[in-house]
Amino acid sequence: MSARSAIVLLLGIATTIAGCDKPASGNGQAAAGDANAAASTATAPAATADEAPAAAGTAPKAGTVDRSHKGEAAPAVAFTNAAGKPLTVKAFGGKPTLVNLWATWCAPCVKEMPTLDAAAKAANGRVRFVAISQDMDPKKARSFFAERRLSTIQPMYDPQLGFSLALNANLPTTILYDKRGRELWRVTGERDWSSAESRALLSEA
């Protein structure tokens, strides 16, 4: 790795770590995540309580739905599956795909993962669930999935942080893409993906 690449990677790690919410408080919500989570677009469905825009100058609540990127194509950044095969979101064309960017060192990521697995089971294959680990050591992510017996979500690996850097995303960030690989919405920060509100969101795919 060149010196320039190393600097870019370290800056990306610092940005992602800085954005990862701290462990959740007693009310189940983590601290506010990425300030890029903005108000819904005019073409989006009527905003619910978890889609309300934040007050001017304040960061949105963690878990808030952001529709400001609706219609954008998924990054053409490659990540790898368990066999080491490079893949992109475009390769999953033909079926809606939920991408979750996470890492084992991110407490809110770890906390919400079982609810993502439950949501994936409830979707019964209608939506593909992909968890792209931003751990620099893929073995940690593999061990995490094995220890917690998370068998429904497809684990992927991105040790170069290419996906989160392409989106300038904090962790966790979850994005729903339609079957053409176009974004429908994204959520930054921890969320209960097994809740009725989240099931309604997933039904948009």
Protein backbone atom coordinates (compact mmCIF):
# COMPACT_ATOMS: atom_id res chain seq x y z
CA MET A 1 0.00 0.00 0.00
CA SER A 2 1.40 3.40 -0.96
CA ALA A 3 1.82 6.18 1.62
CA ARG A 4 -1.01 8.15 -0.02
CA SER A 5 -3.38 5.16 0.12
CA ALA A 6 -2.50 4.58 3.76
CA ILE A 7 -3.30 8.19 4.62
CA VAL A 8 -6.66 8.00 2.82
CA LEU A 9 -7.51 4.76 4.63
CA LEU A 10 -6.57 6.16 8.05
CA LEU A 11 -8.63 9.29 7.43
CA GLY A 12 -11.58 7.12 6.45
CA ILE A 13 -11.25 5.02 9.61
CA ALA A 14 -11.09 8.15 11.76
CA THR A 15 -14.20 9.58 10.12
CA THR A 16 -16.14 6.34 10.47
CA ILE A 17 -15.11 5.83 14.09
CA ALA A 18 -16.02 9.41 14.95
CA GLY A 19 -19.47 8.91 13.47
CA CYS A 20 -20.25 5.56 15.12
CA ASP A 21 -22.76 6.15 17.88
CA LYS A 22 -21.82 5.43 21.45
CA PRO A 23 -23.51 2.53 23.29
CA ALA A 24 -27.28 3.01 23.39
CA SER A 25 -28.93 4.63 26.39
CA GLY A 26 -31.83 3.17 28.34
CA ASN A 27 -34.43 4.41 25.89
CA GLY A 28 -32.96 2.19 23.14
CA GLN A 29 -31.83 5.07 20.97
CA ALA A 30 -28.14 5.76 20.29
CA ALA A 31 -26.65 9.25 20.06
CA ALA A 32 -27.28 11.16 16.85
CA GLY A 33 -25.44 9.87 13.79
CA ASP A 34 -24.48 11.40 10.48
CA ALA A 35 -25.71 14.95 9.93
CA ASN A 36 -26.33 13.99 6.32
CA ALA A 37 -29.62 12.32 7.38
CA ALA A 38 -31.89 15.07 6.06
CA ALA A 39 -35.60 15.72 5.59
CA SER A 40 -37.67 13.58 3.24
CA THR A 41 -38.01 14.63 -0.36
CA ALA A 42 -41.27 16.05 -1.67
CA THR A 43 -41.97 12.84 -3.59
CA ALA A 44 -41.63 10.63 -0.50
CA PRO A 45 -44.59 9.32 1.49
CA ALA A 46 -45.87 11.51 4.32
CA ALA A 47 -43.28 11.72 7.09
CA THR A 48 -43.83 9.68 10.22
CA ALA A 49 -42.42 10.45 13.65
CA ASP A 50 -39.11 8.85 12.75
CA GLU A 51 -38.83 10.81 9.50
CA ALA A 52 -39.41 14.30 10.86
CA PRO A 53 -36.66 16.77 9.85
CA ALA A 54 -34.32 17.91 12.58
CA ALA A 55 -34.42 21.48 13.81
CA ALA A 56 -32.04 23.85 12.05
CA GLY A 57 -28.47 23.44 13.26
CA THR A 58 -29.07 20.13 15.00
CA ALA A 59 -28.25 16.58 13.95
CA PRO A 60 -31.18 14.23 13.30
CA LYS A 61 -32.03 11.55 15.85
CA ALA A 62 -30.32 8.22 15.31
CA GLY A 63 -32.50 5.87 13.32
CA THR A 64 -34.22 8.66 11.37
CA VAL A 65 -35.20 7.87 7.78
CA ASP A 66 -33.44 9.97 5.12
CA ARG A 67 -34.99 10.09 1.63
CA SER A 68 -32.82 12.89 0.26
CA HIS A 69 -30.74 10.42 -1.80
CA LYS A 70 -33.72 8.66 -3.36
CA GLY A 71 -33.01 7.54 -6.93
CA GLU A 72 -29.22 7.60 -6.61
CA ALA A 73 -27.38 4.56 -7.94
CA ALA A 74 -25.50 2.35 -5.49
CA PRO A 75 -21.73 2.94 -5.44
CA ALA A 76 -19.85 0.74 -7.89
CA VAL A 77 -17.51 -0.24 -5.05
CA ALA A 78 -16.55 -3.89 -4.78
CA PHE A 79 -16.70 -5.88 -1.56
CA THR A 80 -16.19 -9.62 -1.11
CA ASN A 81 -18.31 -12.54 -0.03
CA ALA A 82 -17.23 -15.36 2.28
CA ALA A 83 -15.42 -17.06 -0.62
CA GLY A 84 -13.45 -13.90 -1.41
CA LYS A 85 -15.36 -13.19 -4.63
CA PRO A 86 -15.66 -9.48 -5.48
CA LEU A 87 -19.25 -8.26 -5.75
CA THR A 88 -21.16 -5.00 -6.10
CA VAL A 89 -24.76 -4.05 -5.28
CA LYS A 90 -25.43 -4.05 -9.03
CA ALA A 91 -24.62 -7.77 -9.07
CA PHE A 92 -27.73 -8.30 -6.94
CA GLY A 93 -30.00 -6.79 -9.60
CA GLY A 94 -33.49 -8.18 -9.89
CA LYS A 95 -34.30 -8.11 -6.19
CA PRO A 96 -34.47 -5.25 -3.65
CA THR A 97 -31.38 -5.22 -1.43
CA LEU A 98 -30.92 -3.84 2.06
CA VAL A 99 -27.27 -2.93 2.69
CA ASN A 100 -26.10 -2.52 6.27
CA LEU A 101 -22.66 -0.97 6.85
CA TRP A 102 -21.36 -2.08 10.22
CA ALA A 103 -18.32 -3.17 12.24
CA THR A 104 -17.76 -5.35 15.29
CA TRP A 105 -16.24 -2.40 17.20
CA CYS A 106 -19.38 -0.27 16.68
CA ALA A 107 -21.71 -0.83 19.67
CA PRO A 108 -24.94 0.34 17.95
CA CYS A 109 -24.10 -1.88 14.95
CA VAL A 110 -23.76 -4.90 17.21
CA LYS A 111 -26.96 -4.05 19.10
CA GLU A 112 -29.18 -3.72 16.02
CA MET A 113 -27.82 -6.75 14.13
CA PRO A 114 -30.16 -9.31 15.73
CA THR A 115 -33.15 -7.17 14.75
CA LEU A 116 -31.84 -7.05 11.18
CA ASP A 117 -31.59 -10.82 11.17
CA ALA A 118 -35.17 -11.05 12.47
CA ALA A 119 -36.33 -8.66 9.75
CA ALA A 120 -34.53 -10.72 7.12
CA LYS A 121 -36.34 -13.86 8.28
CA ALA A 122 -39.68 -12.04 8.22
CA ALA A 123 -38.99 -10.81 4.66
CA ASN A 124 -38.79 -14.47 3.61
CA GLY A 125 -36.49 -13.79 0.67
CA ARG A 126 -38.49 -10.90 -0.79
CA VAL A 127 -35.66 -8.50 0.12
CA ARG A 128 -31.99 -9.49 0.14
CA PHE A 129 -30.22 -8.45 3.37
CA VAL A 130 -26.48 -7.78 3.04
CA ALA A 131 -24.25 -6.78 5.96
CA ILE A 132 -20.98 -5.29 4.68
CA SER A 133 -18.40 -5.37 7.45
CA GLN A 134 -16.07 -2.37 7.70
CA ASP A 135 -13.69 -4.29 9.96
CA MET A 136 -10.10 -4.24 8.75
CA ASP A 137 -9.85 -7.89 9.82
CA PRO A 138 -12.67 -9.91 8.15
CA LYS A 139 -12.11 -12.74 10.63
CA LYS A 140 -13.72 -10.64 13.36
CA ALA A 141 -16.92 -10.26 11.36
CA ARG A 142 -16.99 -13.95 10.46
CA SER A 143 -16.58 -14.91 14.12
CA PHE A 144 -19.32 -12.47 15.12
CA PHE A 145 -21.85 -14.03 12.75
CA ALA A 146 -20.88 -17.57 13.75
CA GLU A 147 -21.04 -16.92 17.50
CA ARG A 148 -24.47 -15.27 17.27
CA ARG A 149 -25.81 -17.74 14.69
CA LEU A 150 -26.97 -15.01 12.31
CA SER A 151 -27.78 -17.16 9.32
CA THR A 152 -30.30 -15.12 7.32
CA ILE A 153 -28.24 -12.02 6.53
CA GLN A 154 -25.52 -12.41 3.90
CA PRO A 155 -22.19 -11.28 5.42
CA MET A 156 -19.82 -9.37 3.14
CA TYR A 157 -16.43 -7.83 3.79
CA ASP A 158 -14.92 -4.45 2.94
CA PRO A 159 -11.63 -4.10 4.87
CA GLN A 160 -10.59 -1.10 2.73
CA LEU A 161 -13.75 0.78 3.85
CA GLY A 162 -14.53 1.51 0.22
CA PHE A 163 -18.31 1.52 0.61
CA SER A 164 -18.49 3.79 3.65
CA LEU A 165 -15.92 6.16 2.15
CA ALA A 166 -17.86 6.35 -1.13
CA LEU A 167 -20.99 7.37 0.79
CA ASN A 168 -19.17 9.41 3.44
CA ALA A 169 -21.19 7.29 5.85
CA ASN A 170 -20.96 6.83 9.59
CA LEU A 171 -21.74 3.50 11.21
CA PRO A 172 -24.19 1.96 11.29
CA THR A 173 -25.78 3.05 8.02
CA THR A 174 -28.54 1.01 6.39
CA ILE A 175 -29.72 1.63 2.82
CA LEU A 176 -32.58 0.08 0.89
CA TYR A 177 -32.01 -0.26 -2.86
CA ASP A 178 -34.73 -1.23 -5.32
CA LYS A 179 -34.30 -4.07 -7.79
CA ARG A 180 -32.48 -1.71 -10.20
CA GLY A 181 -29.91 -0.73 -7.56
CA ARG A 182 -31.45 2.72 -6.96
CA GLU A 183 -31.66 4.05 -3.43
CA LEU A 184 -35.08 4.33 -1.78
CA TRP A 185 -33.98 5.54 1.66
CA ARG A 186 -31.22 5.30 4.21
CA VAL A 187 -30.98 5.28 7.99
CA THR A 188 -27.93 6.34 9.99
CA GLY A 189 -27.67 5.08 13.54
CA GLU A 190 -29.22 2.24 15.47
CA ARG A 191 -32.78 1.16 14.72
CA ASP A 192 -35.06 -1.69 15.74
CA TRP A 193 -35.52 -3.37 12.37
CA SER A 194 -38.08 -5.81 13.73
CA SER A 195 -40.53 -3.03 14.70
CA ALA A 196 -43.81 -2.40 12.88
CA GLU A 197 -42.49 0.94 11.58
CA SER A 198 -39.42 -0.73 10.12
CA ARG A 199 -41.47 -3.49 8.52
CA ALA A 200 -43.55 -0.80 6.83
CA LEU A 201 -40.37 0.82 5.50
CA LEU A 202 -39.10 -2.48 4.11
CA SER A 203 -42.43 -3.05 2.38
CA GLU A 204 -41.63 -0.09 0.10
CA ALA A 205 -39.17 -2.21 -1.86
